[in-house]
Amino acid sequence: ALSRCVSRKHAMEMLLTGESISADYAQKIGLINAAVPKDDLDCKVDYVTNLIASRSQKAIREGKPTFLKQVQEPLDIAYKTTSETMCSNVMTEDCKEGISAFFDKRSPNW
């Protein structure tokens, strides 16, 4: 699935040359989200996991499978799939809380 992660040009170059790539290059071409020094890795992982944990778990529970489904669908069907999930999420208490928290300039209480 390399060709789904990076451009066709980058995938082809990696396939044909077989050369190793650096973490910085992998980040540059979109193969990884972040190149982090080994000593900073635990801190980065803690930051990202805490950030995800601070978000609406209902939205994450519904959003993740919707995302994974729509990336495999043709564009018109993917729009329909994601629209249905977004419309469903807008009607939740978590959405109302998120909007209220934003306007009240406070952290949401999921």
PDB file of N, CA and C in Angstrom:
ATOM      1  N   ALA A   1       0.823  -1.202   0.000  1.00  0.00           N
ATOM      2  CA  ALA A   1       0.000   0.000   0.000  1.00  0.00           C
ATOM      3  C   ALA A   1       0.866   1.264   0.000  1.00  0.00           C
ATOM      4  N   LEU A   2       2.137   1.114  -0.318  1.00  0.00           N
ATOM      5  CA  LEU A   2       3.034   2.273  -0.364  1.00  0.00           C
ATOM      6  C   LEU A   2       2.489   3.354  -1.290  1.00  0.00           C
ATOM      7  N   SER A   3       1.945   2.927  -2.438  1.00  0.00           N
ATOM      8  CA  SER A   3       1.456   3.902  -3.422  1.00  0.00           C
ATOM      9  C   SER A   3       0.235   4.668  -2.939  1.00  0.00           C
ATOM     10  N   ARG A   4      -0.391   4.228  -1.862  1.00  0.00           N
ATOM     11  CA  ARG A   4      -1.503   4.979  -1.269  1.00  0.00           C
ATOM     12  C   ARG A   4      -0.997   5.991  -0.248  1.00  0.00           C
ATOM     13  N   CYS A   5       0.265   5.848   0.162  1.00  0.00           N
ATOM     14  CA  CYS A   5       0.827   6.730   1.187  1.00  0.00           C
ATOM     15  C   CYS A   5       1.662   7.864   0.606  1.00  0.00           C
ATOM     16  N   VAL A   6       2.303   7.598  -0.502  1.00  0.00           N
ATOM     17  CA  VAL A   6       3.192   8.593  -1.107  1.00  0.00           C
ATOM     18  C   VAL A   6       2.831   8.730  -2.584  1.00  0.00           C
ATOM     19  N   SER A   7       3.369   9.755  -3.208  1.00  0.00           N
ATOM     20  CA  SER A   7       3.078   9.957  -4.628  1.00  0.00           C
ATOM     21  C   SER A   7       3.592   8.780  -5.449  1.00  0.00           C
ATOM     22  N   ARG A   8       3.009   8.613  -6.608  1.00  0.00           N
ATOM     23  CA  ARG A   8       3.415   7.537  -7.504  1.00  0.00           C
ATOM     24  C   ARG A   8       4.898   7.653  -7.854  1.00  0.00           C
ATOM     25  N   LYS A   9       5.388   8.895  -8.035  1.00  0.00           N
ATOM     26  CA  LYS A   9       6.806   9.108  -8.378  1.00  0.00           C
ATOM     27  C   LYS A   9       7.715   8.607  -7.260  1.00  0.00           C
ATOM     28  N   HIS A  10       7.370   8.953  -6.021  1.00  0.00           N
ATOM     29  CA  HIS A  10       8.218   8.531  -4.901  1.00  0.00           C
ATOM     30  C   HIS A  10       8.158   7.012  -4.711  1.00  0.00           C
ATOM     31  N   ALA A  11       6.963   6.449  -4.843  1.00  0.00           N
ATOM     32  CA  ALA A  11       6.837   5.000  -4.701  1.00  0.00           C
ATOM     33  C   ALA A  11       7.655   4.275  -5.763  1.00  0.00           C
ATOM     34  N   MET A  12       7.584   4.765  -6.989  1.00  0.00           N
ATOM     35  CA  MET A  12       8.326   4.130  -8.085  1.00  0.00           C
ATOM     36  C   MET A  12       9.828   4.235  -7.852  1.00  0.00           C
ATOM     37  N   GLU A  13      10.293   5.393  -7.417  1.00  0.00           N
ATOM     38  CA  GLU A  13      11.724   5.557  -7.133  1.00  0.00           C
ATOM     39  C   GLU A  13      12.172   4.582  -6.053  1.00  0.00           C
ATOM     40  N   MET A  14      11.392   4.447  -4.995  1.00  0.00           N
ATOM     41  CA  MET A  14      11.752   3.524  -3.921  1.00  0.00           C
ATOM     42  C   MET A  14      11.756   2.081  -4.421  1.00  0.00           C
ATOM     43  N   LEU A  15      10.764   1.742  -5.250  1.00  0.00           N
ATOM     44  CA  LEU A  15      10.667   0.394  -5.794  1.00  0.00           C
ATOM     45  C   LEU A  15      11.838   0.059  -6.700  1.00  0.00           C
ATOM     46  N   LEU A  16      12.169   0.977  -7.598  1.00  0.00           N
ATOM     47  CA  LEU A  16      13.200   0.688  -8.598  1.00  0.00           C
ATOM     48  C   LEU A  16      14.619   0.772  -8.049  1.00  0.00           C
ATOM     49  N   THR A  17      14.858   1.681  -7.107  1.00  0.00           N
ATOM     50  CA  THR A  17      16.230   1.836  -6.601  1.00  0.00           C
ATOM     51  C   THR A  17      16.511   0.930  -5.412  1.00  0.00           C
ATOM     52  N   GLY A  18      15.493   0.653  -4.605  1.00  0.00           N
ATOM     53  CA  GLY A  18      15.698  -0.164  -3.413  1.00  0.00           C
ATOM     54  C   GLY A  18      16.561   0.504  -2.367  1.00  0.00           C
ATOM     55  N   GLU A  19      16.824   1.793  -2.525  1.00  0.00           N
ATOM     56  CA  GLU A  19      17.667   2.508  -1.559  1.00  0.00           C
ATOM     57  C   GLU A  19      16.909   2.781  -0.263  1.00  0.00           C
ATOM     58  N   SER A  20      17.660   2.751   0.816  1.00  0.00           N
ATOM     59  CA  SER A  20      17.094   3.143   2.103  1.00  0.00           C
ATOM     60  C   SER A  20      16.839   4.645   2.081  1.00  0.00           C
ATOM     61  N   ILE A  21      15.859   5.068   2.845  1.00  0.00           N
ATOM     62  CA  ILE A  21      15.582   6.502   2.943  1.00  0.00           C
ATOM     63  C   ILE A  21      15.694   6.930   4.394  1.00  0.00           C
ATOM     64  N   SER A  22      16.001   8.190   4.600  1.00  0.00           N
ATOM     65  CA  SER A  22      16.125   8.715   5.961  1.00  0.00           C
ATOM     66  C   SER A  22      14.739   9.027   6.516  1.00  0.00           C
ATOM     67  N   ALA A  23      14.668   9.169   7.819  1.00  0.00           N
ATOM     68  CA  ALA A  23      13.404   9.551   8.461  1.00  0.00           C
ATOM     69  C   ALA A  23      12.962  10.929   7.989  1.00  0.00           C
ATOM     70  N   ASP A  24      13.899  11.844   7.825  1.00  0.00           N
ATOM     71  CA  ASP A  24      13.545  13.188   7.356  1.00  0.00           C
ATOM     72  C   ASP A  24      12.936  13.129   5.952  1.00  0.00           C
ATOM     73  N   TYR A  25      13.517  12.308   5.076  1.00  0.00           N
ATOM     74  CA  TYR A  25      12.972  12.170   3.727  1.00  0.00           C
ATOM     75  C   TYR A  25      11.600  11.495   3.768  1.00  0.00           C
ATOM     76  N   ALA A  26      11.459  10.481   4.618  1.00  0.00           N
ATOM     77  CA  ALA A  26      10.162   9.800   4.761  1.00  0.00           C
ATOM     78  C   ALA A  26       9.084  10.786   5.200  1.00  0.00           C
ATOM     79  N   GLN A  27       9.445  11.704   6.078  1.00  0.00           N
ATOM     80  CA  GLN A  27       8.491  12.731   6.506  1.00  0.00           C
ATOM     81  C   GLN A  27       8.192  13.685   5.349  1.00  0.00           C
ATOM     82  N   LYS A  28       9.212  14.073   4.637  1.00  0.00           N
ATOM     83  CA  LYS A  28       9.059  15.023   3.528  1.00  0.00           C
ATOM     84  C   LYS A  28       8.097  14.499   2.462  1.00  0.00           C
ATOM     85  N   ILE A  29       8.154  13.200   2.169  1.00  0.00           N
ATOM     86  CA  ILE A  29       7.289  12.647   1.123  1.00  0.00           C
ATOM     87  C   ILE A  29       5.952  12.136   1.665  1.00  0.00           C
ATOM     88  N   GLY A  30       5.735  12.270   2.963  1.00  0.00           N
ATOM     89  CA  GLY A  30       4.454  11.902   3.539  1.00  0.00           C
ATOM     90  C   GLY A  30       4.316  10.454   3.964  1.00  0.00           C
ATOM     91  N   LEU A  31       5.423   9.732   4.030  1.00  0.00           N
ATOM     92  CA  LEU A  31       5.373   8.331   4.448  1.00  0.00           C
ATOM     93  C   LEU A  31       5.155   8.208   5.953  1.00  0.00           C
ATOM     94  N   ILE A  32       5.691   9.166   6.708  1.00  0.00           N
ATOM     95  CA  ILE A  32       5.492   9.216   8.157  1.00  0.00           C
ATOM     96  C   ILE A  32       5.026  10.619   8.527  1.00  0.00           C
ATOM     97  N   ASN A  33       4.377  10.738   9.674  1.00  0.00           N
ATOM     98  CA  ASN A  33       3.881  12.044  10.130  1.00  0.00           C
ATOM     99  C   ASN A  33       4.988  12.929  10.671  1.00  0.00           C
ATOM    100  N   ALA A  34       5.917  12.327  11.401  1.00  0.00           N
ATOM    101  CA  ALA A  34       6.963  13.123  12.037  1.00  0.00           C
ATOM    102  C   ALA A  34       8.216  12.287  12.221  1.00  0.00           C
ATOM    103  N   ALA A  35       9.350  12.913  11.967  1.00  0.00           N
ATOM    104  CA  ALA A  35      10.644  12.312  12.266  1.00  0.00           C
ATOM    105  C   ALA A  35      11.077  12.900  13.604  1.00  0.00           C
ATOM    106  N   VAL A  36      11.219  12.042  14.601  1.00  0.00           N
ATOM    107  CA  VAL A  36      11.489  12.506  15.961  1.00  0.00           C
ATOM    108  C   VAL A  36      12.792  11.882  16.455  1.00  0.00           C
ATOM    109  N   PRO A  37      13.680  12.687  17.031  1.00  0.00           N
ATOM    110  CA  PRO A  37      14.894  12.099  17.623  1.00  0.00           C
ATOM    111  C   PRO A  37      14.523  11.053  18.676  1.00  0.00           C
ATOM    112  N   LYS A  38      15.318  10.003  18.751  1.00  0.00           N
ATOM    113  CA  LYS A  38      15.033   8.896  19.668  1.00  0.00           C
ATOM    114  C   LYS A  38      14.783   9.375  21.097  1.00  0.00           C
ATOM    115  N   ASP A  39      15.568  10.328  21.565  1.00  0.00           N
ATOM    116  CA  ASP A  39      15.417  10.821  22.934  1.00  0.00           C
ATOM    117  C   ASP A  39      14.098  11.559  23.155  1.00  0.00           C
ATOM    118  N   ASP A  40      13.475  12.026  22.080  1.00  0.00           N
ATOM    119  CA  ASP A  40      12.218  12.770  22.184  1.00  0.00           C
ATOM    120  C   ASP A  40      10.992  11.920  21.867  1.00  0.00           C
ATOM    121  N   LEU A  41      11.212  10.668  21.495  1.00  0.00           N
ATOM    122  CA  LEU A  41      10.116   9.833  21.016  1.00  0.00           C
ATOM    123  C   LEU A  41       9.033   9.624  22.066  1.00  0.00           C
ATOM    124  N   ASP A  42       9.391   9.257  23.276  1.00  0.00           N
ATOM    125  CA  ASP A  42       8.383   9.027  24.319  1.00  0.00           C
ATOM    126  C   ASP A  42       7.561  10.281  24.583  1.00  0.00           C
ATOM    127  N   CYS A  43       8.211  11.419  24.600  1.00  0.00           N
ATOM    128  CA  CYS A  43       7.516  12.687  24.823  1.00  0.00           C
ATOM    129  C   CYS A  43       6.522  12.952  23.694  1.00  0.00           C
ATOM    130  N   LYS A  44       6.938  12.716  22.459  1.00  0.00           N
ATOM    131  CA  LYS A  44       6.061  12.933  21.302  1.00  0.00           C
ATOM    132  C   LYS A  44       4.873  11.984  21.337  1.00  0.00           C
ATOM    133  N   VAL A  45       5.114  10.721  21.656  1.00  0.00           N
ATOM    134  CA  VAL A  45       4.035   9.741  21.745  1.00  0.00           C
ATOM    135  C   VAL A  45       3.048  10.144  22.835  1.00  0.00           C
ATOM    136  N   ASP A  46       3.556  10.546  24.002  1.00  0.00           N
ATOM    137  CA  ASP A  46       2.681  11.002  25.086  1.00  0.00           C
ATOM    138  C   ASP A  46       1.846  12.204  24.653  1.00  0.00           C
ATOM    139  N   TYR A  47       2.462  13.142  23.956  1.00  0.00           N
ATOM    140  CA  TYR A  47       1.757  14.333  23.500  1.00  0.00           C
ATOM    141  C   TYR A  47       0.601  13.960  22.568  1.00  0.00           C
ATOM    142  N   VAL A  48       0.902  13.128  21.577  1.00  0.00           N
ATOM    143  CA  VAL A  48      -0.121  12.767  20.589  1.00  0.00           C
ATOM    144  C   VAL A  48      -1.239  11.940  21.236  1.00  0.00           C
ATOM    145  N   THR A  49      -0.885  10.973  22.063  1.00  0.00           N
ATOM    146  CA  THR A  49      -1.918  10.145  22.682  1.00  0.00           C
ATOM    147  C   THR A  49      -2.784  10.964  23.640  1.00  0.00           C
ATOM    148  N   ASN A  50      -2.179  11.887  24.378  1.00  0.00           N
ATOM    149  CA  ASN A  50      -2.967  12.749  25.269  1.00  0.00           C
ATOM    150  C   ASN A  50      -3.876  13.682  24.475  1.00  0.00           C
ATOM    151  N   LEU A  51      -3.400  14.165  23.357  1.00  0.00           N
ATOM    152  CA  LEU A  51      -4.213  15.029  22.505  1.00  0.00           C
ATOM    153  C   LEU A  51      -5.430  14.266  21.972  1.00  0.00           C
ATOM    154  N   ILE A  52      -5.209  13.048  21.496  1.00  0.00           N
ATOM    155  CA  ILE A  52      -6.316  12.219  21.000  1.00  0.00           C
ATOM    156  C   ILE A  52      -7.288  11.912  22.142  1.00  0.00           C
ATOM    157  N   ALA A  53      -6.744  11.575  23.304  1.00  0.00           N
ATOM    158  CA  ALA A  53      -7.594  11.240  24.453  1.00  0.00           C
ATOM    159  C   ALA A  53      -8.430  12.427  24.927  1.00  0.00           C
ATOM    160  N   SER A  54      -7.984  13.635  24.627  1.00  0.00           N
ATOM    161  CA  SER A  54      -8.723  14.823  25.065  1.00  0.00           C
ATOM    162  C   SER A  54      -9.889  15.162  24.138  1.00  0.00           C
ATOM    163  N   ARG A  55     -10.009  14.464  23.035  1.00  0.00           N
ATOM    164  CA  ARG A  55     -11.063  14.725  22.060  1.00  0.00           C
ATOM    165  C   ARG A  55     -12.292  13.862  22.350  1.00  0.00           C
ATOM    166  N   SER A  56     -13.373  14.180  21.695  1.00  0.00           N
ATOM    167  CA  SER A  56     -14.611  13.412  21.858  1.00  0.00           C
ATOM    168  C   SER A  56     -14.377  11.965  21.435  1.00  0.00           C
ATOM    169  N   GLN A  57     -14.529  11.049  22.389  1.00  0.00           N
ATOM    170  CA  GLN A  57     -14.316   9.634  22.074  1.00  0.00           C
ATOM    171  C   GLN A  57     -15.400   9.105  21.145  1.00  0.00           C
ATOM    172  N   LYS A  58     -16.613   9.635  21.245  1.00  0.00           N
ATOM    173  CA  LYS A  58     -17.680   9.231  20.330  1.00  0.00           C
ATOM    174  C   LYS A  58     -17.320   9.614  18.902  1.00  0.00           C
ATOM    175  N   ALA A  59     -16.824  10.826  18.722  1.00  0.00           N
ATOM    176  CA  ALA A  59     -16.440  11.268  17.373  1.00  0.00           C
ATOM    177  C   ALA A  59     -15.284  10.428  16.838  1.00  0.00           C
ATOM    178  N   ILE A  60     -14.356  10.081  17.696  1.00  0.00           N
ATOM    179  CA  ILE A  60     -13.226   9.245  17.270  1.00  0.00           C
ATOM    180  C   ILE A  60     -13.708   7.836  16.932  1.00  0.00           C
ATOM    181  N   ARG A  61     -14.589   7.278  17.775  1.00  0.00           N
ATOM    182  CA  ARG A  61     -15.121   5.929  17.516  1.00  0.00           C
ATOM    183  C   ARG A  61     -15.843   5.859  16.175  1.00  0.00           C
ATOM    184  N   GLU A  62     -16.547   6.916  15.805  1.00  0.00           N
ATOM    185  CA  GLU A  62     -17.269   6.921  14.537  1.00  0.00           C
ATOM    186  C   GLU A  62     -16.377   7.395  13.384  1.00  0.00           C
ATOM    187  N   GLY A  63     -15.487   8.322  13.674  1.00  0.00           N
ATOM    188  CA  GLY A  63     -14.667   8.913  12.623  1.00  0.00           C
ATOM    189  C   GLY A  63     -13.623   7.979  12.057  1.00  0.00           C
ATOM    190  N   LYS A  64     -12.981   7.208  12.909  1.00  0.00           N
ATOM    191  CA  LYS A  64     -11.903   6.335  12.429  1.00  0.00           C
ATOM    192  C   LYS A  64     -12.403   5.294  11.430  1.00  0.00           C
ATOM    193  N   PRO A  65     -13.446   4.526  11.747  1.00  0.00           N
ATOM    194  CA  PRO A  65     -13.898   3.553  10.741  1.00  0.00           C
ATOM    195  C   PRO A  65     -14.459   4.215   9.480  1.00  0.00           C
ATOM    196  N   THR A  66     -15.073   5.386   9.646  1.00  0.00           N
ATOM    197  CA  THR A  66     -15.575   6.102   8.467  1.00  0.00           C
ATOM    198  C   THR A  66     -14.415   6.511   7.575  1.00  0.00           C
ATOM    199  N   PHE A  67     -13.356   7.026   8.175  1.00  0.00           N
ATOM    200  CA  PHE A  67     -12.180   7.406   7.391  1.00  0.00           C
ATOM    201  C   PHE A  67     -11.607   6.198   6.656  1.00  0.00           C
ATOM    202  N   LEU A  68     -11.420   5.098   7.379  1.00  0.00           N
ATOM    203  CA  LEU A  68     -10.831   3.900   6.763  1.00  0.00           C
ATOM    204  C   LEU A  68     -11.710   3.354   5.647  1.00  0.00           C
ATOM    205  N   LYS A  69     -13.026   3.479   5.780  1.00  0.00           N
ATOM    206  CA  LYS A  69     -13.939   3.018   4.738  1.00  0.00           C
ATOM    207  C   LYS A  69     -13.878   3.918   3.513  1.00  0.00           C
ATOM    208  N   GLN A  70     -13.940   5.239   3.725  1.00  0.00           N
ATOM    209  CA  GLN A  70     -14.044   6.157   2.591  1.00  0.00           C
ATOM    210  C   GLN A  70     -12.777   6.234   1.743  1.00  0.00           C
ATOM    211  N   VAL A  71     -11.611   5.952   2.322  1.00  0.00           N
ATOM    212  CA  VAL A  71     -10.389   6.016   1.510  1.00  0.00           C
ATOM    213  C   VAL A  71     -10.345   4.921   0.447  1.00  0.00           C
ATOM    214  N   GLN A  72     -11.181   3.901   0.616  1.00  0.00           N
ATOM    215  CA  GLN A  72     -11.221   2.808  -0.355  1.00  0.00           C
ATOM    216  C   GLN A  72     -12.355   2.971  -1.365  1.00  0.00           C
ATOM    217  N   GLU A  73     -13.170   4.006  -1.192  1.00  0.00           N
ATOM    218  CA  GLU A  73     -14.336   4.194  -2.050  1.00  0.00           C
ATOM    219  C   GLU A  73     -14.060   5.213  -3.162  1.00  0.00           C
ATOM    220  N   PRO A  74     -14.814   5.123  -4.251  1.00  0.00           N
ATOM    221  CA  PRO A  74     -14.746   6.191  -5.258  1.00  0.00           C
ATOM    222  C   PRO A  74     -15.157   7.516  -4.607  1.00  0.00           C
ATOM    223  N   LEU A  75     -14.669   8.613  -5.151  1.00  0.00           N
ATOM    224  CA  LEU A  75     -14.849   9.923  -4.528  1.00  0.00           C
ATOM    225  C   LEU A  75     -16.310  10.266  -4.239  1.00  0.00           C
ATOM    226  N   ASP A  76     -17.213  10.028  -5.172  1.00  0.00           N
ATOM    227  CA  ASP A  76     -18.618  10.392  -4.945  1.00  0.00           C
ATOM    228  C   ASP A  76     -19.231   9.596  -3.794  1.00  0.00           C
ATOM    229  N   ILE A  77     -18.886   8.335  -3.669  1.00  0.00           N
ATOM    230  CA  ILE A  77     -19.392   7.510  -2.576  1.00  0.00           C
ATOM    231  C   ILE A  77     -18.705   7.903  -1.262  1.00  0.00           C
ATOM    232  N   ALA A  78     -17.436   8.227  -1.334  1.00  0.00           N
ATOM    233  CA  ALA A  78     -16.704   8.656  -0.132  1.00  0.00           C
ATOM    234  C   ALA A  78     -17.321   9.924   0.454  1.00  0.00           C
ATOM    235  N   TYR A  79     -17.699  10.869  -0.403  1.00  0.00           N
ATOM    236  CA  TYR A  79     -18.372  12.080   0.089  1.00  0.00           C
ATOM    237  C   TYR A  79     -19.682  11.737   0.790  1.00  0.00           C
ATOM    238  N   LYS A  80     -20.433  10.801   0.228  1.00  0.00           N
ATOM    239  CA  LYS A  80     -21.695  10.385   0.836  1.00  0.00           C
ATOM    240  C   LYS A  80     -21.433   9.726   2.198  1.00  0.00           C
ATOM    241  N   THR A  81     -20.468   8.842   2.241  1.00  0.00           N
ATOM    242  CA  THR A  81     -20.124   8.140   3.480  1.00  0.00           C
ATOM    243  C   THR A  81     -19.743   9.125   4.587  1.00  0.00           C
ATOM    244  N   THR A  82     -18.853  10.037   4.268  1.00  0.00           N
ATOM    245  CA  THR A  82     -18.396  10.982   5.294  1.00  0.00           C
ATOM    246  C   THR A  82     -19.479  11.988   5.661  1.00  0.00           C
ATOM    247  N   SER A  83     -20.300  12.383   4.698  1.00  0.00           N
ATOM    248  CA  SER A  83     -21.392  13.316   4.989  1.00  0.00           C
ATOM    249  C   SER A  83     -22.372  12.715   5.988  1.00  0.00           C
ATOM    250  N   GLU A  84     -22.678  11.443   5.818  1.00  0.00           N
ATOM    251  CA  GLU A  84     -23.598  10.771   6.742  1.00  0.00           C
ATOM    252  C   GLU A  84     -23.045  10.767   8.165  1.00  0.00           C
ATOM    253  N   THR A  85     -21.755  10.464   8.296  1.00  0.00           N
ATOM    254  CA  THR A  85     -21.149  10.437   9.629  1.00  0.00           C
ATOM    255  C   THR A  85     -21.085  11.842  10.228  1.00  0.00           C
ATOM    256  N   MET A  86     -20.704  12.826   9.419  1.00  0.00           N
ATOM    257  CA  MET A  86     -20.639  14.199   9.936  1.00  0.00           C
ATOM    258  C   MET A  86     -22.011  14.686  10.373  1.00  0.00           C
ATOM    259  N   CYS A  87     -23.045  14.402   9.591  1.00  0.00           N
ATOM    260  CA  CYS A  87     -24.403  14.817   9.969  1.00  0.00           C
ATOM    261  C   CYS A  87     -24.839  14.137  11.254  1.00  0.00           C
ATOM    262  N   SER A  88     -24.498  12.882  11.403  1.00  0.00           N
ATOM    263  CA  SER A  88     -24.817  12.153  12.630  1.00  0.00           C
ATOM    264  C   SER A  88     -24.095  12.762  13.832  1.00  0.00           C
ATOM    265  N   ASN A  89     -22.817  13.105  13.652  1.00  0.00           N
ATOM    266  CA  ASN A  89     -22.029  13.680  14.750  1.00  0.00           C
ATOM    267  C   ASN A  89     -22.522  15.057  15.171  1.00  0.00           C
ATOM    268  N   VAL A  90     -23.041  15.834  14.234  1.00  0.00           N
ATOM    269  CA  VAL A  90     -23.516  17.184  14.540  1.00  0.00           C
ATOM    270  C   VAL A  90     -24.698  17.134  15.510  1.00  0.00           C
ATOM    271  N   MET A  91     -25.415  16.029  15.527  1.00  0.00           N
ATOM    272  CA  MET A  91     -26.599  15.905  16.369  1.00  0.00           C
ATOM    273  C   MET A  91     -26.289  15.381  17.779  1.00  0.00           C
ATOM    274  N   THR A  92     -25.021  15.138  18.086  1.00  0.00           N
ATOM    275  CA  THR A  92     -24.673  14.540  19.376  1.00  0.00           C
ATOM    276  C   THR A  92     -24.474  15.579  20.473  1.00  0.00           C
ATOM    277  N   GLU A  93     -24.572  15.112  21.691  1.00  0.00           N
ATOM    278  CA  GLU A  93     -24.290  15.973  22.850  1.00  0.00           C
ATOM    279  C   GLU A  93     -22.826  16.419  22.843  1.00  0.00           C
ATOM    280  N   ASP A  94     -21.930  15.546  22.372  1.00  0.00           N
ATOM    281  CA  ASP A  94     -20.516  15.922  22.308  1.00  0.00           C
ATOM    282  C   ASP A  94     -20.304  17.118  21.389  1.00  0.00           C
ATOM    283  N   CYS A  95     -21.023  17.157  20.294  1.00  0.00           N
ATOM    284  CA  CYS A  95     -20.893  18.294  19.378  1.00  0.00           C
ATOM    285  C   CYS A  95     -21.376  19.577  20.051  1.00  0.00           C
ATOM    286  N   LYS A  96     -22.510  19.488  20.690  1.00  0.00           N
ATOM    287  CA  LYS A  96     -23.049  20.662  21.403  1.00  0.00           C
ATOM    288  C   LYS A  96     -22.058  21.136  22.466  1.00  0.00           C
ATOM    289  N   GLU A  97     -21.477  20.174  23.195  1.00  0.00           N
ATOM    290  CA  GLU A  97     -20.502  20.522  24.230  1.00  0.00           C
ATOM    291  C   GLU A  97     -19.256  21.153  23.617  1.00  0.00           C
ATOM    292  N   GLY A  98     -18.792  20.602  22.510  1.00  0.00           N
ATOM    293  CA  GLY A  98     -17.610  21.152  21.854  1.00  0.00           C
ATOM    294  C   GLY A  98     -17.822  22.583  21.392  1.00  0.00           C
ATOM    295  N   ILE A  99     -18.972  22.858  20.818  1.00  0.00           N
ATOM    296  CA  ILE A  99     -19.281  24.214  20.356  1.00  0.00           C
ATOM    297  C   ILE A  99     -19.412  25.164  21.539  1.00  0.00           C
ATOM    298  N   SER A 100     -20.099  24.721  22.587  1.00  0.00           N
ATOM    299  CA  SER A 100     -20.238  25.559  23.787  1.00  0.00           C
ATOM    300  C   SER A 100     -18.882  25.861  24.408  1.00  0.00           C
ATOM    301  N   ALA A 101     -18.051  24.834  24.508  1.00  0.00           N
ATOM    302  CA  ALA A 101     -16.717  25.025  25.093  1.00  0.00           C
ATOM    303  C   ALA A 101     -15.899  26.013  24.267  1.00  0.00           C
ATOM    304  N   PHE A 102     -15.996  25.918  22.960  1.00  0.00           N
ATOM    305  CA  PHE A 102     -15.273  26.841  22.088  1.00  0.00           C
ATOM    306  C   PHE A 102     -15.697  28.282  22.359  1.00  0.00           C
ATOM    307  N   PHE A 103     -16.995  28.521  22.366  1.00  0.00           N
ATOM    308  CA  PHE A 103     -17.480  29.887  22.578  1.00  0.00           C
ATOM    309  C   PHE A 103     -17.248  30.382  24.003  1.00  0.00           C
ATOM    310  N   ASP A 104     -17.250  29.447  24.968  1.00  0.00           N
ATOM    311  CA  ASP A 104     -16.988  29.815  26.362  1.00  0.00           C
ATOM    312  C   ASP A 104     -15.498  29.891  26.670  1.00  0.00           C
ATOM    313  N   LYS A 105     -14.663  29.572  25.675  1.00  0.00           N
ATOM    314  CA  LYS A 105     -13.203  29.578  25.827  1.00  0.00           C
ATOM    315  C   LYS A 105     -12.752  28.685  26.993  1.00  0.00           C
ATOM    316  N   ARG A 106     -13.250  27.455  26.979  1.00  0.00           N
ATOM    317  CA  ARG A 106     -12.905  26.468  28.016  1.00  0.00           C
ATOM    318  C   ARG A 106     -12.702  25.109  27.368  1.00  0.00           C
ATOM    319  N   SER A 107     -12.135  24.211  28.131  1.00  0.00           N
ATOM    320  CA  SER A 107     -11.965  22.844  27.626  1.00  0.00           C
ATOM    321  C   SER A 107     -13.321  22.121  27.678  1.00  0.00           C
ATOM    322  N   PRO A 108     -13.608  21.319  26.671  1.00  0.00           N
ATOM    323  CA  PRO A 108     -14.882  20.585  26.685  1.00  0.00           C
ATOM    324  C   PRO A 108     -14.897  19.512  27.753  1.00  0.00           C
ATOM    325  N   ASN A 109     -16.088  19.235  28.259  1.00  0.00           N
ATOM    326  CA  ASN A 109     -16.279  18.184  29.246  1.00  0.00           C
ATOM    327  C   ASN A 109     -17.045  17.064  28.548  1.00  0.00           C
ATOM    328  N   TRP A 110     -16.284  16.145  27.943  1.00  0.00           N
ATOM    329  CA  TRP A 110     -16.940  15.065  27.194  1.00  0.00           C
ATOM    330  C   TRP A 110     -17.571  14.126  28.171  1.00  0.00           C
TER     331      TRP A 110
END
